[in-house]
């Protein structure tokens, strides 16, 4: 899979995706770097057939209301005040064999 990892997420996430065999590009590598607008990230991701990986809920709104970006992986933190919730969740992002 091809990903574009939003600027507010750690570099280690993009590196981990690459270690799993994916093409993961950081928003920071785009011409405007960390100042790249959500619209520009969306246009880039859709043109390059990439999944936007973000914790920015604005992307969720535009995805649900307008279908952009076409592909979205929204990351959210669990509420640490809720001890019954698991501390972490894992997704199997290994490419199919």
PDB file of N, CA and C in Angstrom:
ATOM      1  N   UNK A   1       0.832  -1.174   0.000  1.00  0.00           N
ATOM      2  CA  UNK A   1       0.000   0.000   0.000  1.00  0.00           C
ATOM      3  C   UNK A   1       0.881   1.243   0.000  1.00  0.00           C
ATOM      4  N   UNK A   2       0.268   2.324  -0.433  1.00  0.00           N
ATOM      5  CA  UNK A   2       0.977   3.610  -0.455  1.00  0.00           C
ATOM      6  C   UNK A   2       0.296   4.540   0.546  1.00  0.00           C
ATOM      7  N   UNK A   3       1.099   5.152   1.403  1.00  0.00           N
ATOM      8  CA  UNK A   3       0.596   6.022   2.453  1.00  0.00           C
ATOM      9  C   UNK A   3       1.236   7.400   2.354  1.00  0.00           C
ATOM     10  N   UNK A   4       0.513   8.414   2.851  1.00  0.00           N
ATOM     11  CA  UNK A   4       1.103   9.712   3.143  1.00  0.00           C
ATOM     12  C   UNK A   4       0.767   9.979   4.611  1.00  0.00           C
ATOM     13  N   UNK A   5       1.825  10.130   5.423  1.00  0.00           N
ATOM     14  CA  UNK A   5       1.684  10.258   6.870  1.00  0.00           C
ATOM     15  C   UNK A   5       1.718  11.735   7.229  1.00  0.00           C
ATOM     16  N   UNK A   6       0.654  12.201   7.889  1.00  0.00           N
ATOM     17  CA  UNK A   6       0.500  13.609   8.222  1.00  0.00           C
ATOM     18  C   UNK A   6       1.610  14.089   9.162  1.00  0.00           C
ATOM     19  N   UNK A   7       1.814  15.396   9.136  1.00  0.00           N
ATOM     20  CA  UNK A   7       2.955  16.013   9.825  1.00  0.00           C
ATOM     21  C   UNK A   7       2.927  15.836  11.340  1.00  0.00           C
ATOM     22  N   UNK A   8       1.753  15.745  11.947  1.00  0.00           N
ATOM     23  CA  UNK A   8       1.694  15.682  13.411  1.00  0.00           C
ATOM     24  C   UNK A   8       1.971  14.280  13.958  1.00  0.00           C
ATOM     25  N   UNK A   9       2.114  13.299  13.087  1.00  0.00           N
ATOM     26  CA  UNK A   9       2.411  11.939  13.526  1.00  0.00           C
ATOM     27  C   UNK A   9       3.921  11.694  13.524  1.00  0.00           C
ATOM     28  N   UNK A  10       4.381  10.791  14.374  1.00  0.00           N
ATOM     29  CA  UNK A  10       5.826  10.569  14.500  1.00  0.00           C
ATOM     30  C   UNK A  10       6.448   9.933  13.252  1.00  0.00           C
ATOM     31  N   UNK A  11       7.682  10.314  12.989  1.00  0.00           N
ATOM     32  CA  UNK A  11       8.434   9.735  11.874  1.00  0.00           C
ATOM     33  C   UNK A  11       8.513   8.211  11.989  1.00  0.00           C
ATOM     34  N   UNK A  12       8.507   7.719  13.230  1.00  0.00           N
ATOM     35  CA  UNK A  12       8.616   6.276  13.455  1.00  0.00           C
ATOM     36  C   UNK A  12       7.451   5.519  12.816  1.00  0.00           C
ATOM     37  N   UNK A  13       6.293   6.148  12.698  1.00  0.00           N
ATOM     38  CA  UNK A  13       5.157   5.479  12.072  1.00  0.00           C
ATOM     39  C   UNK A  13       5.428   5.224  10.592  1.00  0.00           C
ATOM     40  N   UNK A  14       5.915   6.241   9.891  1.00  0.00           N
ATOM     41  CA  UNK A  14       6.252   6.072   8.471  1.00  0.00           C
ATOM     42  C   UNK A  14       7.352   5.025   8.315  1.00  0.00           C
ATOM     43  N   UNK A  15       8.324   5.074   9.197  1.00  0.00           N
ATOM     44  CA  UNK A  15       9.420   4.102   9.133  1.00  0.00           C
ATOM     45  C   UNK A  15       8.894   2.683   9.347  1.00  0.00           C
ATOM     46  N   UNK A  16       7.987   2.518  10.291  1.00  0.00           N
ATOM     47  CA  UNK A  16       7.423   1.193  10.564  1.00  0.00           C
ATOM     48  C   UNK A  16       6.643   0.683   9.350  1.00  0.00           C
ATOM     49  N   UNK A  17       5.857   1.546   8.735  1.00  0.00           N
ATOM     50  CA  UNK A  17       5.122   1.139   7.538  1.00  0.00           C
ATOM     51  C   UNK A  17       6.081   0.701   6.431  1.00  0.00           C
ATOM     52  N   UNK A  18       7.187   1.433   6.286  1.00  0.00           N
ATOM     53  CA  UNK A  18       8.192   1.063   5.280  1.00  0.00           C
ATOM     54  C   UNK A  18       8.821  -0.281   5.607  1.00  0.00           C
ATOM     55  N   UNK A  19       9.094  -0.527   6.899  1.00  0.00           N
ATOM     56  CA  UNK A  19       9.671  -1.808   7.311  1.00  0.00           C
ATOM     57  C   UNK A  19       8.729  -2.971   6.997  1.00  0.00           C
ATOM     58  N   UNK A  20       7.421  -2.681   6.960  1.00  0.00           N
ATOM     59  CA  UNK A  20       6.433  -3.704   6.624  1.00  0.00           C
ATOM     60  C   UNK A  20       6.269  -3.872   5.115  1.00  0.00           C
ATOM     61  N   UNK A  21       7.030  -3.096   4.346  1.00  0.00           N
ATOM     62  CA  UNK A  21       7.015  -3.239   2.899  1.00  0.00           C
ATOM     63  C   UNK A  21       6.135  -2.248   2.160  1.00  0.00           C
ATOM     64  N   UNK A  22       5.640  -1.225   2.858  1.00  0.00           N
ATOM     65  CA  UNK A  22       4.788  -0.220   2.233  1.00  0.00           C
ATOM     66  C   UNK A  22       5.601   0.988   1.781  1.00  0.00           C
ATOM     67  N   UNK A  23       5.005   1.773   0.916  1.00  0.00           N
ATOM     68  CA  UNK A  23       5.567   3.051   0.476  1.00  0.00           C
ATOM     69  C   UNK A  23       4.920   4.119   1.350  1.00  0.00           C
ATOM     70  N   UNK A  24       5.664   4.667   2.294  1.00  0.00           N
ATOM     71  CA  UNK A  24       5.133   5.655   3.231  1.00  0.00           C
ATOM     72  C   UNK A  24       5.900   6.966   3.089  1.00  0.00           C
ATOM     73  N   UNK A  25       5.194   7.986   2.688  1.00  0.00           N
ATOM     74  CA  UNK A  25       5.805   9.308   2.520  1.00  0.00           C
ATOM     75  C   UNK A  25       5.289  10.247   3.599  1.00  0.00           C
ATOM     76  N   UNK A  26       6.180  11.063   4.109  1.00  0.00           N
ATOM     77  CA  UNK A  26       5.823  12.054   5.129  1.00  0.00           C
ATOM     78  C   UNK A  26       5.329  13.330   4.457  1.00  0.00           C
ATOM     79  N   UNK A  27       4.299  13.952   5.015  1.00  0.00           N
ATOM     80  CA  UNK A  27       3.841  15.258   4.534  1.00  0.00           C
ATOM     81  C   UNK A  27       4.994  16.262   4.585  1.00  0.00           C
ATOM     82  N   UNK A  28       5.864  16.105   5.556  1.00  0.00           N
ATOM     83  CA  UNK A  28       7.015  17.013   5.698  1.00  0.00           C
ATOM     84  C   UNK A  28       7.893  17.042   4.450  1.00  0.00           C
ATOM     85  N   UNK A  29       7.804  16.012   3.602  1.00  0.00           N
ATOM     86  CA  UNK A  29       8.622  15.960   2.376  1.00  0.00           C
ATOM     87  C   UNK A  29       7.959  16.670   1.190  1.00  0.00           C
ATOM     88  N   UNK A  30       6.715  17.088   1.340  1.00  0.00           N
ATOM     89  CA  UNK A  30       6.048  17.854   0.288  1.00  0.00           C
ATOM     90  C   UNK A  30       6.657  19.257   0.229  1.00  0.00           C
ATOM     91  N   UNK A  31       6.501  19.976  -0.877  1.00  0.00           N
ATOM     92  CA  UNK A  31       7.156  21.292  -1.021  1.00  0.00           C
ATOM     93  C   UNK A  31       6.896  22.272   0.126  1.00  0.00           C
ATOM     94  N   UNK A  32       5.678  22.296   0.673  1.00  0.00           N
ATOM     95  CA  UNK A  32       5.377  23.215   1.780  1.00  0.00           C
ATOM     96  C   UNK A  32       5.650  22.593   3.149  1.00  0.00           C
ATOM     97  N   UNK A  33       6.131  21.371   3.150  1.00  0.00           N
ATOM     98  CA  UNK A  33       6.481  20.697   4.399  1.00  0.00           C
ATOM     99  C   UNK A  33       5.322  20.621   5.368  1.00  0.00           C
ATOM    100  N   UNK A  34       5.595  20.897   6.634  1.00  0.00           N
ATOM    101  CA  UNK A  34       4.581  20.849   7.680  1.00  0.00           C
ATOM    102  C   UNK A  34       3.499  21.897   7.531  1.00  0.00           C
ATOM    103  N   UNK A  35       3.710  22.876   6.652  1.00  0.00           N
ATOM    104  CA  UNK A  35       2.709  23.913   6.401  1.00  0.00           C
ATOM    105  C   UNK A  35       1.755  23.543   5.268  1.00  0.00           C
ATOM    106  N   UNK A  36       1.854  22.332   4.738  1.00  0.00           N
ATOM    107  CA  UNK A  36       0.981  21.883   3.659  1.00  0.00           C
ATOM    108  C   UNK A  36      -0.455  21.845   4.164  1.00  0.00           C
ATOM    109  N   UNK A  37      -1.378  22.456   3.427  1.00  0.00           N
ATOM    110  CA  UNK A  37      -2.779  22.486   3.838  1.00  0.00           C
ATOM    111  C   UNK A  37      -3.409  21.101   3.700  1.00  0.00           C
ATOM    112  N   UNK A  38      -4.502  20.900   4.417  1.00  0.00           N
ATOM    113  CA  UNK A  38      -5.225  19.632   4.313  1.00  0.00           C
ATOM    114  C   UNK A  38      -5.669  19.388   2.872  1.00  0.00           C
ATOM    115  N   UNK A  39      -6.108  20.441   2.199  1.00  0.00           N
ATOM    116  CA  UNK A  39      -6.538  20.302   0.805  1.00  0.00           C
ATOM    117  C   UNK A  39      -5.413  19.845  -0.100  1.00  0.00           C
ATOM    118  N   UNK A  40      -4.216  20.393   0.126  1.00  0.00           N
ATOM    119  CA  UNK A  40      -3.058  19.984  -0.679  1.00  0.00           C
ATOM    120  C   UNK A  40      -2.669  18.539  -0.384  1.00  0.00           C
ATOM    121  N   UNK A  41      -2.728  18.146   0.884  1.00  0.00           N
ATOM    122  CA  UNK A  41      -2.432  16.755   1.252  1.00  0.00           C
ATOM    123  C   UNK A  41      -3.430  15.827   0.567  1.00  0.00           C
ATOM    124  N   UNK A  42      -4.705  16.203   0.604  1.00  0.00           N
ATOM    125  CA  UNK A  42      -5.754  15.400  -0.028  1.00  0.00           C
ATOM    126  C   UNK A  42      -5.526  15.269  -1.523  1.00  0.00           C
ATOM    127  N   UNK A  43      -5.258  16.381  -2.194  1.00  0.00           N
ATOM    128  CA  UNK A  43      -5.021  16.334  -3.645  1.00  0.00           C
ATOM    129  C   UNK A  43      -3.825  15.450  -3.980  1.00  0.00           C
ATOM    130  N   UNK A  44      -2.747  15.591  -3.202  1.00  0.00           N
ATOM    131  CA  UNK A  44      -1.553  14.777  -3.430  1.00  0.00           C
ATOM    132  C   UNK A  44      -1.881  13.291  -3.228  1.00  0.00           C
ATOM    133  N   UNK A  45      -2.529  12.971  -2.109  1.00  0.00           N
ATOM    134  CA  UNK A  45      -2.833  11.576  -1.797  1.00  0.00           C
ATOM    135  C   UNK A  45      -3.721  10.962  -2.870  1.00  0.00           C
ATOM    136  N   UNK A  46      -4.746  11.680  -3.289  1.00  0.00           N
ATOM    137  CA  UNK A  46      -5.661  11.135  -4.297  1.00  0.00           C
ATOM    138  C   UNK A  46      -4.959  10.965  -5.641  1.00  0.00           C
ATOM    139  N   UNK A  47      -4.116  11.923  -6.014  1.00  0.00           N
ATOM    140  CA  UNK A  47      -3.401  11.834  -7.289  1.00  0.00           C
ATOM    141  C   UNK A  47      -2.396  10.691  -7.293  1.00  0.00           C
ATOM    142  N   UNK A  48      -1.808  10.398  -6.141  1.00  0.00           N
ATOM    143  CA  UNK A  48      -0.790   9.355  -6.018  1.00  0.00           C
ATOM    144  C   UNK A  48      -1.362   8.018  -5.533  1.00  0.00           C
ATOM    145  N   UNK A  49      -2.683   7.955  -5.370  1.00  0.00           N
ATOM    146  CA  UNK A  49      -3.366   6.768  -4.855  1.00  0.00           C
ATOM    147  C   UNK A  49      -2.769   6.329  -3.517  1.00  0.00           C
ATOM    148  N   UNK A  50      -2.701   7.278  -2.581  1.00  0.00           N
ATOM    149  CA  UNK A  50      -2.160   7.019  -1.251  1.00  0.00           C
ATOM    150  C   UNK A  50      -3.263   7.118  -0.204  1.00  0.00           C
ATOM    151  N   UNK A  51      -3.085   6.410   0.885  1.00  0.00           N
ATOM    152  CA  UNK A  51      -3.958   6.494   2.049  1.00  0.00           C
ATOM    153  C   UNK A  51      -3.421   7.618   2.933  1.00  0.00           C
ATOM    154  N   UNK A  52      -4.272   8.565   3.309  1.00  0.00           N
ATOM    155  CA  UNK A  52      -3.864   9.607   4.257  1.00  0.00           C
ATOM    156  C   UNK A  52      -3.922   9.004   5.654  1.00  0.00           C
ATOM    157  N   UNK A  53      -2.803   9.063   6.370  1.00  0.00           N
ATOM    158  CA  UNK A  53      -2.728   8.598   7.757  1.00  0.00           C
ATOM    159  C   UNK A  53      -2.617   9.844   8.622  1.00  0.00           C
ATOM    160  N   UNK A  54      -3.594  10.060   9.499  1.00  0.00           N
ATOM    161  CA  UNK A  54      -3.639  11.302  10.266  1.00  0.00           C
ATOM    162  C   UNK A  54      -4.378  11.099  11.577  1.00  0.00           C
ATOM    163  N   UNK A  55      -4.235  12.056  12.471  1.00  0.00           N
ATOM    164  CA  UNK A  55      -5.090  12.115  13.659  1.00  0.00           C
ATOM    165  C   UNK A  55      -5.964  13.367  13.605  1.00  0.00           C
ATOM    166  N   UNK A  56      -5.935  14.073  12.484  1.00  0.00           N
ATOM    167  CA  UNK A  56      -6.688  15.310  12.266  1.00  0.00           C
ATOM    168  C   UNK A  56      -8.116  14.972  11.852  1.00  0.00           C
ATOM    169  N   UNK A  57      -9.082  15.258  12.717  1.00  0.00           N
ATOM    170  CA  UNK A  57     -10.474  14.896  12.438  1.00  0.00           C
ATOM    171  C   UNK A  57     -11.073  15.686  11.277  1.00  0.00           C
ATOM    172  N   UNK A  58     -10.441  16.776  10.853  1.00  0.00           N
ATOM    173  CA  UNK A  58     -10.932  17.510   9.677  1.00  0.00           C
ATOM    174  C   UNK A  58     -10.942  16.602   8.447  1.00  0.00           C
ATOM    175  N   UNK A  59      -9.957  15.737   8.335  1.00  0.00           N
ATOM    176  CA  UNK A  59      -9.914  14.800   7.211  1.00  0.00           C
ATOM    177  C   UNK A  59     -11.116  13.856   7.248  1.00  0.00           C
ATOM    178  N   UNK A  60     -11.507  13.443   8.436  1.00  0.00           N
ATOM    179  CA  UNK A  60     -12.670  12.549   8.557  1.00  0.00           C
ATOM    180  C   UNK A  60     -13.920  13.243   8.027  1.00  0.00           C
ATOM    181  N   UNK A  61     -14.098  14.501   8.406  1.00  0.00           N
ATOM    182  CA  UNK A  61     -15.277  15.244   7.954  1.00  0.00           C
ATOM    183  C   UNK A  61     -15.318  15.347   6.431  1.00  0.00           C
ATOM    184  N   UNK A  62     -14.213  15.728   5.806  1.00  0.00           N
ATOM    185  CA  UNK A  62     -14.213  15.877   4.344  1.00  0.00           C
ATOM    186  C   UNK A  62     -14.328  14.520   3.646  1.00  0.00           C
ATOM    187  N   UNK A  63     -13.794  13.487   4.269  1.00  0.00           N
ATOM    188  CA  UNK A  63     -13.911  12.132   3.706  1.00  0.00           C
ATOM    189  C   UNK A  63     -15.371  11.672   3.733  1.00  0.00           C
ATOM    190  N   UNK A  64     -16.037  11.891   4.863  1.00  0.00           N
ATOM    191  CA  UNK A  64     -17.411  11.427   5.009  1.00  0.00           C
ATOM    192  C   UNK A  64     -18.399  12.268   4.205  1.00  0.00           C
ATOM    193  N   UNK A  65     -18.164  13.557   4.083  1.00  0.00           N
ATOM    194  CA  UNK A  65     -19.126  14.429   3.398  1.00  0.00           C
ATOM    195  C   UNK A  65     -18.850  14.589   1.911  1.00  0.00           C
ATOM    196  N   UNK A  66     -17.577  14.484   1.505  1.00  0.00           N
ATOM    197  CA  UNK A  66     -17.258  14.706   0.106  1.00  0.00           C
ATOM    198  C   UNK A  66     -16.447  13.619  -0.560  1.00  0.00           C
ATOM    199  N   UNK A  67     -16.124  12.569   0.196  1.00  0.00           N
ATOM    200  CA  UNK A  67     -15.358  11.473  -0.388  1.00  0.00           C
ATOM    201  C   UNK A  67     -13.897  11.785  -0.628  1.00  0.00           C
ATOM    202  N   UNK A  68     -13.385  12.833   0.010  1.00  0.00           N
ATOM    203  CA  UNK A  68     -11.984  13.219  -0.138  1.00  0.00           C
ATOM    204  C   UNK A  68     -11.354  13.396   1.233  1.00  0.00           C
ATOM    205  N   UNK A  69     -10.200  12.860   1.460  1.00  0.00           N
ATOM    206  CA  UNK A  69      -9.448  12.022   0.549  1.00  0.00           C
ATOM    207  C   UNK A  69     -10.188  10.715   0.280  1.00  0.00           C
ATOM    208  N   UNK A  70      -9.815  10.091  -0.839  1.00  0.00           N
ATOM    209  CA  UNK A  70     -10.476   8.848  -1.213  1.00  0.00           C
ATOM    210  C   UNK A  70     -10.240   7.754  -0.176  1.00  0.00           C
ATOM    211  N   UNK A  71      -9.015   7.731   0.389  1.00  0.00           N
ATOM    212  CA  UNK A  71      -8.649   6.685   1.353  1.00  0.00           C
ATOM    213  C   UNK A  71      -8.059   7.349   2.585  1.00  0.00           C
ATOM    214  N   UNK A  72      -8.525   6.919   3.754  1.00  0.00           N
ATOM    215  CA  UNK A  72      -8.162   7.579   5.008  1.00  0.00           C
ATOM    216  C   UNK A  72      -7.971   6.560   6.115  1.00  0.00           C
ATOM    217  N   UNK A  73      -6.908   6.729   6.874  1.00  0.00           N
ATOM    218  CA  UNK A  73      -6.695   5.966   8.102  1.00  0.00           C
ATOM    219  C   UNK A  73      -6.571   6.997   9.212  1.00  0.00           C
ATOM    220  N   UNK A  74      -7.636   7.120  10.015  1.00  0.00           N
ATOM    221  CA  UNK A  74      -7.670   8.095  11.097  1.00  0.00           C
ATOM    222  C   UNK A  74      -7.207   7.418  12.374  1.00  0.00           C
ATOM    223  N   UNK A  75      -6.208   7.997  12.999  1.00  0.00           N
ATOM    224  CA  UNK A  75      -5.647   7.450  14.229  1.00  0.00           C
ATOM    225  C   UNK A  75      -6.166   8.280  15.384  1.00  0.00           C
ATOM    226  N   UNK A  76      -6.680   7.602  16.407  1.00  0.00           N
ATOM    227  CA  UNK A  76      -7.160   8.322  17.581  1.00  0.00           C
ATOM    228  C   UNK A  76      -6.637   7.633  18.827  1.00  0.00           C
ATOM    229  N   UNK A  77      -6.433   8.427  19.845  1.00  0.00           N
ATOM    230  CA  UNK A  77      -5.952   7.898  21.114  1.00  0.00           C
ATOM    231  C   UNK A  77      -7.146   7.504  21.966  1.00  0.00           C
ATOM    232  N   UNK A  78      -6.984   6.459  22.737  1.00  0.00           N
ATOM    233  CA  UNK A  78      -8.034   6.063  23.668  1.00  0.00           C
ATOM    234  C   UNK A  78      -7.967   6.947  24.893  1.00  0.00           C
ATOM    235  N   UNK A  79      -9.080   7.140  25.536  1.00  0.00           N
ATOM    236  CA  UNK A  79      -9.157   7.960  26.742  1.00  0.00           C
ATOM    237  C   UNK A  79      -8.505   7.200  27.890  1.00  0.00           C
ATOM    238  N   UNK A  80      -7.398   7.733  28.394  1.00  0.00           N
ATOM    239  CA  UNK A  80      -6.652   7.049  29.460  1.00  0.00           C
ATOM    240  C   UNK A  80      -7.435   7.027  30.770  1.00  0.00           C
ATOM    241  N   UNK A  81      -8.494   7.805  30.882  1.00  0.00           N
ATOM    242  CA  UNK A  81      -9.318   7.800  32.102  1.00  0.00           C
ATOM    243  C   UNK A  81     -10.288   6.627  32.113  1.00  0.00           C
ATOM    244  N   UNK A  82     -10.334   5.863  31.015  1.00  0.00           N
ATOM    245  CA  UNK A  82     -11.226   4.714  30.908  1.00  0.00           C
ATOM    246  C   UNK A  82     -10.391   3.433  31.024  1.00  0.00           C
ATOM    247  N   UNK A  83     -10.140   2.962  32.231  1.00  0.00           N
ATOM    248  CA  UNK A  83      -9.256   1.798  32.394  1.00  0.00           C
ATOM    249  C   UNK A  83      -9.769   0.531  31.727  1.00  0.00           C
ATOM    250  N   UNK A  84     -11.066   0.444  31.442  1.00  0.00           N
ATOM    251  CA  UNK A  84     -11.578  -0.768  30.817  1.00  0.00           C
ATOM    252  C   UNK A  84     -11.230  -0.840  29.333  1.00  0.00           C
ATOM    253  N   UNK A  85     -10.808   0.271  28.756  1.00  0.00           N
ATOM    254  CA  UNK A  85     -10.447   0.264  27.342  1.00  0.00           C
ATOM    255  C   UNK A  85      -9.014  -0.240  27.186  1.00  0.00           C
ATOM    256  N   UNK A  86      -8.745  -0.946  26.098  1.00  0.00           N
ATOM    257  CA  UNK A  86      -7.364  -1.395  25.874  1.00  0.00           C
ATOM    258  C   UNK A  86      -6.439  -0.198  25.681  1.00  0.00           C
ATOM    259  N   UNK A  87      -5.206  -0.349  26.081  1.00  0.00           N
ATOM    260  CA  UNK A  87      -4.223   0.730  25.973  1.00  0.00           C
ATOM    261  C   UNK A  87      -3.774   0.959  24.533  1.00  0.00           C
ATOM    262  N   UNK A  88      -3.803  -0.064  23.707  1.00  0.00           N
ATOM    263  CA  UNK A  88      -3.368   0.102  22.321  1.00  0.00           C
ATOM    264  C   UNK A  88      -4.133  -0.858  21.432  1.00  0.00           C
ATOM    265  N   UNK A  89      -4.122  -0.529  20.190  1.00  0.00           N
ATOM    266  CA  UNK A  89      -4.742  -1.402  19.201  1.00  0.00           C
ATOM    267  C   UNK A  89      -3.737  -1.589  18.070  1.00  0.00           C
ATOM    268  N   UNK A  90      -3.763  -2.733  17.431  1.00  0.00           N
ATOM    269  CA  UNK A  90      -2.840  -3.013  16.337  1.00  0.00           C
ATOM    270  C   UNK A  90      -3.633  -3.367  15.097  1.00  0.00           C
ATOM    271  N   UNK A  91      -3.144  -2.899  13.999  1.00  0.00           N
ATOM    272  CA  UNK A  91      -3.721  -3.281  12.714  1.00  0.00           C
ATOM    273  C   UNK A  91      -2.662  -4.076  11.959  1.00  0.00           C
ATOM    274  N   UNK A  92      -3.095  -5.105  11.296  1.00  0.00           N
ATOM    275  CA  UNK A  92      -2.165  -5.890  10.494  1.00  0.00           C
ATOM    276  C   UNK A  92      -2.031  -5.208   9.142  1.00  0.00           C
ATOM    277  N   UNK A  93      -0.947  -4.482   8.934  1.00  0.00           N
ATOM    278  CA  UNK A  93      -0.729  -3.717   7.728  1.00  0.00           C
ATOM    279  C   UNK A  93       0.306  -4.369   6.810  1.00  0.00           C
ATOM    280  N   UNK A  94       0.576  -5.644   7.064  1.00  0.00           N
ATOM    281  CA  UNK A  94       1.510  -6.337   6.191  1.00  0.00           C
ATOM    282  C   UNK A  94       0.871  -6.536   4.823  1.00  0.00           C
ATOM    283  N   UNK A  95       1.648  -6.352   3.754  1.00  0.00           N
ATOM    284  CA  UNK A  95       1.086  -6.586   2.422  1.00  0.00           C
ATOM    285  C   UNK A  95       0.679  -8.048   2.267  1.00  0.00           C
ATOM    286  N   UNK A  96      -0.376  -8.308   1.507  1.00  0.00           N
ATOM    287  CA  UNK A  96      -0.759  -9.705   1.273  1.00  0.00           C
ATOM    288  C   UNK A  96       0.339 -10.444   0.509  1.00  0.00           C
ATOM    289  N   UNK A  97       0.446 -11.720   0.746  1.00  0.00           N
ATOM    290  CA  UNK A  97       1.484 -12.524   0.100  1.00  0.00           C
ATOM    291  C   UNK A  97       0.933 -13.174  -1.135  1.00  0.00           C
TER     292      UNK A  97
END
